[in-house]
Amino acid sequence: MLPMTLTFSDFGGKEKVASPTGELDYTDAEGLNPVAGDLFSYIPWGNIGFFYTSEGNTVSNSLTKIGSTDDIDQIVRLDGQEVTIGIAR
């Protein structure tokens, strides 16, 4: 499904989320103890997001990590912005 361009919005004051158009494959997906910078998918809804804070986050088997970034300031500014996600090489 990569690359994909998505529009992100704030959710819960600690993450920016978007909904991809296709279904993600969760085969062998592991749970996640999220930290700021994690790119994740919330399995029940099939959406993806970036955490921009680690405060109050707990381990969840409903989340799975699909990537990360160290640019937390950019994540915070994602409200209503389109972002293209691809494979880093």
PDB file of N, CA and C in Angstrom:
ATOM      1  N   MET A   1       0.823  -1.202   0.000  1.00  0.00           N
ATOM      2  CA  MET A   1       0.000   0.000   0.000  1.00  0.00           C
ATOM      3  C   MET A   1       0.864   1.261   0.000  1.00  0.00           C
ATOM      4  N   LEU A   2       2.180   1.117   0.174  1.00  0.00           N
ATOM      5  CA  LEU A   2       3.039   2.291   0.225  1.00  0.00           C
ATOM      6  C   LEU A   2       3.599   2.596  -1.158  1.00  0.00           C
ATOM      7  N   PRO A   3       3.795   3.838  -1.486  1.00  0.00           N
ATOM      8  CA  PRO A   3       3.525   4.998  -0.628  1.00  0.00           C
ATOM      9  C   PRO A   3       2.036   5.320  -0.591  1.00  0.00           C
ATOM     10  N   MET A   4       1.612   6.001   0.467  1.00  0.00           N
ATOM     11  CA  MET A   4       0.233   6.459   0.586  1.00  0.00           C
ATOM     12  C   MET A   4       0.237   7.883   1.126  1.00  0.00           C
ATOM     13  N   THR A   5      -0.723   8.682   0.647  1.00  0.00           N
ATOM     14  CA  THR A   5      -0.869  10.060   1.110  1.00  0.00           C
ATOM     15  C   THR A   5      -2.152  10.149   1.918  1.00  0.00           C
ATOM     16  N   LEU A   6      -2.028  10.636   3.157  1.00  0.00           N
ATOM     17  CA  LEU A   6      -3.142  10.690   4.101  1.00  0.00           C
ATOM     18  C   LEU A   6      -3.238  12.063   4.745  1.00  0.00           C
ATOM     19  N   THR A   7      -4.426  12.413   5.203  1.00  0.00           N
ATOM     20  CA  THR A   7      -4.635  13.646   5.948  1.00  0.00           C
ATOM     21  C   THR A   7      -4.802  13.288   7.420  1.00  0.00           C
ATOM     22  N   PHE A   8      -3.966  13.870   8.272  1.00  0.00           N
ATOM     23  CA  PHE A   8      -3.949  13.559   9.698  1.00  0.00           C
ATOM     24  C   PHE A   8      -4.689  14.615  10.509  1.00  0.00           C
ATOM     25  N   SER A   9      -5.285  14.163  11.618  1.00  0.00           N
ATOM     26  CA  SER A   9      -5.932  15.080  12.568  1.00  0.00           C
ATOM     27  C   SER A   9      -5.628  14.607  13.987  1.00  0.00           C
ATOM     28  N   ASP A  10      -5.801  15.514  14.937  1.00  0.00           N
ATOM     29  CA  ASP A  10      -5.491  15.193  16.331  1.00  0.00           C
ATOM     30  C   ASP A  10      -6.534  14.244  16.919  1.00  0.00           C
ATOM     31  N   PHE A  11      -6.064  13.352  17.789  1.00  0.00           N
ATOM     32  CA  PHE A  11      -6.952  12.443  18.489  1.00  0.00           C
ATOM     33  C   PHE A  11      -6.461  12.298  19.924  1.00  0.00           C
ATOM     34  N   GLY A  12      -7.279  12.682  20.854  1.00  0.00           N
ATOM     35  CA  GLY A  12      -6.998  12.469  22.264  1.00  0.00           C
ATOM     36  C   GLY A  12      -5.866  13.290  22.853  1.00  0.00           C
ATOM     37  N   GLY A  13      -5.397  14.286  22.137  1.00  0.00           N
ATOM     38  CA  GLY A  13      -4.336  15.135  22.678  1.00  0.00           C
ATOM     39  C   GLY A  13      -2.994  14.453  22.824  1.00  0.00           C
ATOM     40  N   LYS A  14      -2.802  13.312  22.114  1.00  0.00           N
ATOM     41  CA  LYS A  14      -1.498  12.652  22.183  1.00  0.00           C
ATOM     42  C   LYS A  14      -1.113  11.925  20.910  1.00  0.00           C
ATOM     43  N   GLU A  15      -1.989  11.957  19.910  1.00  0.00           N
ATOM     44  CA  GLU A  15      -1.676  11.280  18.658  1.00  0.00           C
ATOM     45  C   GLU A  15      -2.347  11.984  17.489  1.00  0.00           C
ATOM     46  N   LYS A  16      -1.777  11.801  16.308  1.00  0.00           N
ATOM     47  CA  LYS A  16      -2.353  12.296  15.057  1.00  0.00           C
ATOM     48  C   LYS A  16      -2.712  11.075  14.242  1.00  0.00           C
ATOM     49  N   VAL A  17      -3.944  11.006  13.754  1.00  0.00           N
ATOM     50  CA  VAL A  17      -4.428   9.806  13.089  1.00  0.00           C
ATOM     51  C   VAL A  17      -4.982  10.107  11.693  1.00  0.00           C
ATOM     52  N   ALA A  18      -4.997   9.057  10.867  1.00  0.00           N
ATOM     53  CA  ALA A  18      -5.547   9.130   9.518  1.00  0.00           C
ATOM     54  C   ALA A  18      -6.075   7.752   9.151  1.00  0.00           C
ATOM     55  N   SER A  19      -6.959   7.711   8.163  1.00  0.00           N
ATOM     56  CA  SER A  19      -7.555   6.444   7.733  1.00  0.00           C
ATOM     57  C   SER A  19      -7.109   6.109   6.315  1.00  0.00           C
ATOM     58  N   PRO A  20      -6.353   5.023   6.158  1.00  0.00           N
ATOM     59  CA  PRO A  20      -5.962   4.612   4.805  1.00  0.00           C
ATOM     60  C   PRO A  20      -7.170   4.094   4.035  1.00  0.00           C
ATOM     61  N   THR A  21      -7.076   4.080   2.713  1.00  0.00           N
ATOM     62  CA  THR A  21      -8.197   3.655   1.889  1.00  0.00           C
ATOM     63  C   THR A  21      -8.317   2.136   1.800  1.00  0.00           C
ATOM     64  N   GLY A  22      -7.243   1.416   1.988  1.00  0.00           N
ATOM     65  CA  GLY A  22      -7.279  -0.034   1.908  1.00  0.00           C
ATOM     66  C   GLY A  22      -7.190  -0.674   3.279  1.00  0.00           C
ATOM     67  N   GLU A  23      -7.295  -1.996   3.299  1.00  0.00           N
ATOM     68  CA  GLU A  23      -7.187  -2.735   4.554  1.00  0.00           C
ATOM     69  C   GLU A  23      -5.747  -3.157   4.780  1.00  0.00           C
ATOM     70  N   LEU A  24      -5.277  -3.017   6.006  1.00  0.00           N
ATOM     71  CA  LEU A  24      -3.922  -3.410   6.365  1.00  0.00           C
ATOM     72  C   LEU A  24      -3.895  -4.890   6.745  1.00  0.00           C
ATOM     73  N   ASP A  25      -2.764  -5.528   6.524  1.00  0.00           N
ATOM     74  CA  ASP A  25      -2.573  -6.934   6.891  1.00  0.00           C
ATOM     75  C   ASP A  25      -1.939  -6.987   8.274  1.00  0.00           C
ATOM     76  N   TYR A  26      -2.629  -7.589   9.220  1.00  0.00           N
ATOM     77  CA  TYR A  26      -2.136  -7.654  10.597  1.00  0.00           C
ATOM     78  C   TYR A  26      -1.573  -9.027  10.961  1.00  0.00           C
ATOM     79  N   THR A  27      -1.242  -9.836   9.983  1.00  0.00           N
ATOM     80  CA  THR A  27      -0.652 -11.142  10.242  1.00  0.00           C
ATOM     81  C   THR A  27       0.601 -10.977  11.086  1.00  0.00           C
ATOM     82  N   ASP A  28       0.688 -11.708  12.186  1.00  0.00           N
ATOM     83  CA  ASP A  28       1.834 -11.675  13.114  1.00  0.00           C
ATOM     84  C   ASP A  28       2.035 -10.320  13.792  1.00  0.00           C
ATOM     85  N   ALA A  29       1.013  -9.461  13.808  1.00  0.00           N
ATOM     86  CA  ALA A  29       1.123  -8.151  14.463  1.00  0.00           C
ATOM     87  C   ALA A  29       1.310  -8.342  15.967  1.00  0.00           C
ATOM     88  N   GLU A  30       2.207  -7.550  16.527  1.00  0.00           N
ATOM     89  CA  GLU A  30       2.470  -7.582  17.965  1.00  0.00           C
ATOM     90  C   GLU A  30       1.881  -6.351  18.624  1.00  0.00           C
ATOM     91  N   GLY A  31       1.598  -6.455  19.931  1.00  0.00           N
ATOM     92  CA  GLY A  31       1.122  -5.318  20.701  1.00  0.00           C
ATOM     93  C   GLY A  31       2.203  -4.258  20.811  1.00  0.00           C
ATOM     94  N   LEU A  32       1.857  -3.124  21.389  1.00  0.00           N
ATOM     95  CA  LEU A  32       2.770  -1.982  21.441  1.00  0.00           C
ATOM     96  C   LEU A  32       2.662  -1.249  22.763  1.00  0.00           C
ATOM     97  N   ASN A  33       3.806  -0.862  23.317  1.00  0.00           N
ATOM     98  CA  ASN A  33       3.893   0.090  24.412  1.00  0.00           C
ATOM     99  C   ASN A  33       4.338   1.397  23.761  1.00  0.00           C
ATOM    100  N   PRO A  34       3.408   2.245  23.341  1.00  0.00           N
ATOM    101  CA  PRO A  34       3.732   3.374  22.482  1.00  0.00           C
ATOM    102  C   PRO A  34       4.569   4.458  23.158  1.00  0.00           C
ATOM    103  N   VAL A  35       5.489   4.990  22.357  1.00  0.00           N
ATOM    104  CA  VAL A  35       6.297   6.136  22.769  1.00  0.00           C
ATOM    105  C   VAL A  35       6.190   7.203  21.677  1.00  0.00           C
ATOM    106  N   ALA A  36       6.496   8.425  22.051  1.00  0.00           N
ATOM    107  CA  ALA A  36       6.455   9.531  21.102  1.00  0.00           C
ATOM    108  C   ALA A  36       7.323   9.200  19.891  1.00  0.00           C
ATOM    109  N   GLY A  37       6.762   9.418  18.717  1.00  0.00           N
ATOM    110  CA  GLY A  37       7.460   9.149  17.467  1.00  0.00           C
ATOM    111  C   GLY A  37       7.039   7.854  16.796  1.00  0.00           C
ATOM    112  N   ASP A  38       6.326   6.986  17.522  1.00  0.00           N
ATOM    113  CA  ASP A  38       5.880   5.730  16.921  1.00  0.00           C
ATOM    114  C   ASP A  38       4.810   5.975  15.865  1.00  0.00           C
ATOM    115  N   LEU A  39       4.979   5.339  14.710  1.00  0.00           N
ATOM    116  CA  LEU A  39       3.943   5.251  13.694  1.00  0.00           C
ATOM    117  C   LEU A  39       3.263   3.915  13.943  1.00  0.00           C
ATOM    118  N   PHE A  40       1.957   3.944  14.166  1.00  0.00           N
ATOM    119  CA  PHE A  40       1.243   2.744  14.606  1.00  0.00           C
ATOM    120  C   PHE A  40      -0.038   2.563  13.809  1.00  0.00           C
ATOM    121  N   SER A  41      -0.615   1.387  13.959  1.00  0.00           N
ATOM    122  CA  SER A  41      -1.967   1.150  13.478  1.00  0.00           C
ATOM    123  C   SER A  41      -2.806   0.675  14.648  1.00  0.00           C
ATOM    124  N   TYR A  42      -4.023   1.185  14.721  1.00  0.00           N
ATOM    125  CA  TYR A  42      -4.997   0.723  15.708  1.00  0.00           C
ATOM    126  C   TYR A  42      -5.827  -0.341  15.004  1.00  0.00           C
ATOM    127  N   ILE A  43      -5.588  -1.585  15.356  1.00  0.00           N
ATOM    128  CA  ILE A  43      -6.125  -2.725  14.629  1.00  0.00           C
ATOM    129  C   ILE A  43      -7.654  -2.724  14.514  1.00  0.00           C
ATOM    130  N   PRO A  44      -8.421  -2.471  15.585  1.00  0.00           N
ATOM    131  CA  PRO A  44      -9.887  -2.531  15.448  1.00  0.00           C
ATOM    132  C   PRO A  44     -10.471  -1.559  14.412  1.00  0.00           C
ATOM    133  N   TRP A  45      -9.864  -0.405  14.247  1.00  0.00           N
ATOM    134  CA  TRP A  45     -10.395   0.595  13.314  1.00  0.00           C
ATOM    135  C   TRP A  45      -9.648   0.594  11.980  1.00  0.00           C
ATOM    136  N   GLY A  46      -8.442   0.021  11.947  1.00  0.00           N
ATOM    137  CA  GLY A  46      -7.658  -0.011  10.724  1.00  0.00           C
ATOM    138  C   GLY A  46      -7.037   1.327  10.363  1.00  0.00           C
ATOM    139  N   ASN A  47      -7.009   2.262  11.330  1.00  0.00           N
ATOM    140  CA  ASN A  47      -6.392   3.554  11.039  1.00  0.00           C
ATOM    141  C   ASN A  47      -4.913   3.531  11.436  1.00  0.00           C
ATOM    142  N   ILE A  48      -4.204   4.573  11.057  1.00  0.00           N
ATOM    143  CA  ILE A  48      -2.802   4.685  11.441  1.00  0.00           C
ATOM    144  C   ILE A  48      -2.582   6.036  12.092  1.00  0.00           C
ATOM    145  N   GLY A  49      -1.487   6.156  12.819  1.00  0.00           N
ATOM    146  CA  GLY A  49      -1.211   7.420  13.477  1.00  0.00           C
ATOM    147  C   GLY A  49       0.209   7.505  13.992  1.00  0.00           C
ATOM    148  N   PHE A  50       0.535   8.692  14.454  1.00  0.00           N
ATOM    149  CA  PHE A  50       1.809   8.978  15.097  1.00  0.00           C
ATOM    150  C   PHE A  50       1.527   9.427  16.525  1.00  0.00           C
ATOM    151  N   PHE A  51       2.187   8.846  17.505  1.00  0.00           N
ATOM    152  CA  PHE A  51       2.123   9.368  18.867  1.00  0.00           C
ATOM    153  C   PHE A  51       3.094  10.534  18.977  1.00  0.00           C
ATOM    154  N   TYR A  52       2.644  11.633  19.598  1.00  0.00           N
ATOM    155  CA  TYR A  52       3.560  12.751  19.818  1.00  0.00           C
ATOM    156  C   TYR A  52       3.848  12.976  21.293  1.00  0.00           C
ATOM    157  N   THR A  53       3.306  12.116  22.167  1.00  0.00           N
ATOM    158  CA  THR A  53       3.662  12.128  23.574  1.00  0.00           C
ATOM    159  C   THR A  53       3.610  10.695  24.091  1.00  0.00           C
ATOM    160  N   SER A  54       4.386  10.413  25.101  1.00  0.00           N
ATOM    161  CA  SER A  54       4.364   9.092  25.729  1.00  0.00           C
ATOM    162  C   SER A  54       3.569   9.102  27.025  1.00  0.00           C
ATOM    163  N   GLU A  55       3.196  10.291  27.479  1.00  0.00           N
ATOM    164  CA  GLU A  55       2.487  10.444  28.753  1.00  0.00           C
ATOM    165  C   GLU A  55       1.149   9.720  28.744  1.00  0.00           C
ATOM    166  N   GLY A  56       0.941   8.843  29.700  1.00  0.00           N
ATOM    167  CA  GLY A  56      -0.313   8.129  29.848  1.00  0.00           C
ATOM    168  C   GLY A  56      -0.498   6.949  28.915  1.00  0.00           C
ATOM    169  N   ASN A  57       0.472   6.680  28.061  1.00  0.00           N
ATOM    170  CA  ASN A  57       0.358   5.544  27.146  1.00  0.00           C
ATOM    171  C   ASN A  57       0.624   4.241  27.892  1.00  0.00           C
ATOM    172  N   THR A  58      -0.087   3.205  27.519  1.00  0.00           N
ATOM    173  CA  THR A  58       0.084   1.892  28.123  1.00  0.00           C
ATOM    174  C   THR A  58       0.162   0.833  27.027  1.00  0.00           C
ATOM    175  N   VAL A  59       0.678  -0.322  27.388  1.00  0.00           N
ATOM    176  CA  VAL A  59       0.769  -1.435  26.442  1.00  0.00           C
ATOM    177  C   VAL A  59      -0.632  -1.797  25.953  1.00  0.00           C
ATOM    178  N   SER A  60      -0.744  -2.027  24.654  1.00  0.00           N
ATOM    179  CA  SER A  60      -2.029  -2.406  24.079  1.00  0.00           C
ATOM    180  C   SER A  60      -1.817  -3.436  22.973  1.00  0.00           C
ATOM    181  N   ASN A  61      -2.577  -4.522  23.019  1.00  0.00           N
ATOM    182  CA  ASN A  61      -2.547  -5.503  21.944  1.00  0.00           C
ATOM    183  C   ASN A  61      -3.378  -5.046  20.751  1.00  0.00           C
ATOM    184  N   SER A  62      -4.079  -3.925  20.885  1.00  0.00           N
ATOM    185  CA  SER A  62      -4.859  -3.370  19.784  1.00  0.00           C
ATOM    186  C   SER A  62      -4.036  -2.427  18.920  1.00  0.00           C
ATOM    187  N   LEU A  63      -2.824  -2.112  19.366  1.00  0.00           N
ATOM    188  CA  LEU A  63      -1.914  -1.260  18.607  1.00  0.00           C
ATOM    189  C   LEU A  63      -0.760  -2.099  18.089  1.00  0.00           C
ATOM    190  N   THR A  64      -0.269  -1.769  16.903  1.00  0.00           N
ATOM    191  CA  THR A  64       0.941  -2.401  16.409  1.00  0.00           C
ATOM    192  C   THR A  64       1.818  -1.346  15.736  1.00  0.00           C
ATOM    193  N   LYS A  65       3.107  -1.434  15.983  1.00  0.00           N
ATOM    194  CA  LYS A  65       4.053  -0.458  15.445  1.00  0.00           C
ATOM    195  C   LYS A  65       4.369  -0.787  13.996  1.00  0.00           C
ATOM    196  N   ILE A  66       4.334   0.255  13.146  1.00  0.00           N
ATOM    197  CA  ILE A  66       4.673   0.069  11.744  1.00  0.00           C
ATOM    198  C   ILE A  66       5.810   0.970  11.294  1.00  0.00           C
ATOM    199  N   GLY A  67       6.329   1.785  12.202  1.00  0.00           N
ATOM    200  CA  GLY A  67       7.449   2.651  11.886  1.00  0.00           C
ATOM    201  C   GLY A  67       7.692   3.641  13.002  1.00  0.00           C
ATOM    202  N   SER A  68       8.588   4.607  12.749  1.00  0.00           N
ATOM    203  CA  SER A  68       8.872   5.637  13.750  1.00  0.00           C
ATOM    204  C   SER A  68       9.541   6.834  13.102  1.00  0.00           C
ATOM    205  N   THR A  69       9.538   7.932  13.845  1.00  0.00           N
ATOM    206  CA  THR A  69      10.237   9.152  13.456  1.00  0.00           C
ATOM    207  C   THR A  69      10.751   9.813  14.718  1.00  0.00           C
ATOM    208  N   ASP A  70      11.788  10.615  14.564  1.00  0.00           N
ATOM    209  CA  ASP A  70      12.271  11.370  15.722  1.00  0.00           C
ATOM    210  C   ASP A  70      11.882  12.847  15.622  1.00  0.00           C
ATOM    211  N   ASP A  71      11.083  13.205  14.615  1.00  0.00           N
ATOM    212  CA  ASP A  71      10.669  14.598  14.400  1.00  0.00           C
ATOM    213  C   ASP A  71       9.308  14.859  15.058  1.00  0.00           C
ATOM    214  N   ILE A  72       9.311  14.895  16.390  1.00  0.00           N
ATOM    215  CA  ILE A  72       8.070  15.072  17.154  1.00  0.00           C
ATOM    216  C   ILE A  72       7.423  16.428  16.850  1.00  0.00           C
ATOM    217  N   ASP A  73       8.233  17.474  16.660  1.00  0.00           N
ATOM    218  CA  ASP A  73       7.680  18.799  16.352  1.00  0.00           C
ATOM    219  C   ASP A  73       6.848  18.766  15.076  1.00  0.00           C
ATOM    220  N   GLN A  74       7.284  18.014  14.086  1.00  0.00           N
ATOM    221  CA  GLN A  74       6.527  17.915  12.838  1.00  0.00           C
ATOM    222  C   GLN A  74       5.220  17.152  13.045  1.00  0.00           C
ATOM    223  N   ILE A  75       5.241  16.123  13.875  1.00  0.00           N
ATOM    224  CA  ILE A  75       4.010  15.376  14.168  1.00  0.00           C
ATOM    225  C   ILE A  75       2.963  16.307  14.784  1.00  0.00           C
ATOM    226  N   VAL A  76       3.376  17.139  15.722  1.00  0.00           N
ATOM    227  CA  VAL A  76       2.458  18.050  16.406  1.00  0.00           C
ATOM    228  C   VAL A  76       1.761  18.975  15.402  1.00  0.00           C
ATOM    229  N   ARG A  77       2.424  19.308  14.307  1.00  0.00           N
ATOM    230  CA  ARG A  77       1.863  20.242  13.314  1.00  0.00           C
ATOM    231  C   ARG A  77       1.018  19.564  12.237  1.00  0.00           C
ATOM    232  N   LEU A  78       0.669  18.307  12.387  1.00  0.00           N
ATOM    233  CA  LEU A  78      -0.011  17.564  11.324  1.00  0.00           C
ATOM    234  C   LEU A  78      -1.506  17.820  11.183  1.00  0.00           C
ATOM    235  N   ASP A  79      -2.112  18.655  11.965  1.00  0.00           N
ATOM    236  CA  ASP A  79      -3.561  18.876  11.872  1.00  0.00           C
ATOM    237  C   ASP A  79      -3.991  19.310  10.478  1.00  0.00           C
ATOM    238  N   GLY A  80      -4.774  18.445   9.814  1.00  0.00           N
ATOM    239  CA  GLY A  80      -5.321  18.773   8.511  1.00  0.00           C
ATOM    240  C   GLY A  80      -4.321  18.745   7.375  1.00  0.00           C
ATOM    241  N   GLN A  81      -3.119  18.310   7.621  1.00  0.00           N
ATOM    242  CA  GLN A  81      -2.093  18.291   6.578  1.00  0.00           C
ATOM    243  C   GLN A  81      -1.990  16.918   5.937  1.00  0.00           C
ATOM    244  N   GLU A  82      -1.723  16.921   4.631  1.00  0.00           N
ATOM    245  CA  GLU A  82      -1.477  15.675   3.931  1.00  0.00           C
ATOM    246  C   GLU A  82      -0.027  15.264   4.106  1.00  0.00           C
ATOM    247  N   VAL A  83       0.185  13.987   4.318  1.00  0.00           N
ATOM    248  CA  VAL A  83       1.523  13.435   4.494  1.00  0.00           C
ATOM    249  C   VAL A  83       1.634  12.196   3.619  1.00  0.00           C
ATOM    250  N   THR A  84       2.749  12.073   2.923  1.00  0.00           N
ATOM    251  CA  THR A  84       3.009  10.868   2.148  1.00  0.00           C
ATOM    252  C   THR A  84       3.941   9.987   2.952  1.00  0.00           C
ATOM    253  N   ILE A  85       3.519   8.749   3.175  1.00  0.00           N
ATOM    254  CA  ILE A  85       4.300   7.782   3.937  1.00  0.00           C
ATOM    255  C   ILE A  85       4.829   6.744   2.956  1.00  0.00           C
ATOM    256  N   GLY A  86       6.131   6.513   3.038  1.00  0.00           N
ATOM    257  CA  GLY A  86       6.761   5.530   2.167  1.00  0.00           C
ATOM    258  C   GLY A  86       7.764   4.715   2.943  1.00  0.00           C
ATOM    259  N   ILE A  87       8.480   3.862   2.264  1.00  0.00           N
ATOM    260  CA  ILE A  87       9.497   3.029   2.878  1.00  0.00           C
ATOM    261  C   ILE A  87      10.818   3.788   2.860  1.00  0.00           C
ATOM    262  N   ALA A  88      11.440   3.913   4.038  1.00  0.00           N
ATOM    263  CA  ALA A  88      12.747   4.579   4.133  1.00  0.00           C
ATOM    264  C   ALA A  88      13.822   3.591   3.715  1.00  0.00           C
ATOM    265  N   ARG A  89      14.764   4.078   2.989  1.00  0.00           N
ATOM    266  CA  ARG A  89      15.879   3.213   2.539  1.00  0.00           C
ATOM    267  C   ARG A  89      17.186   3.799   2.937  1.00  0.00           C
TER     268      ARG A  89
END
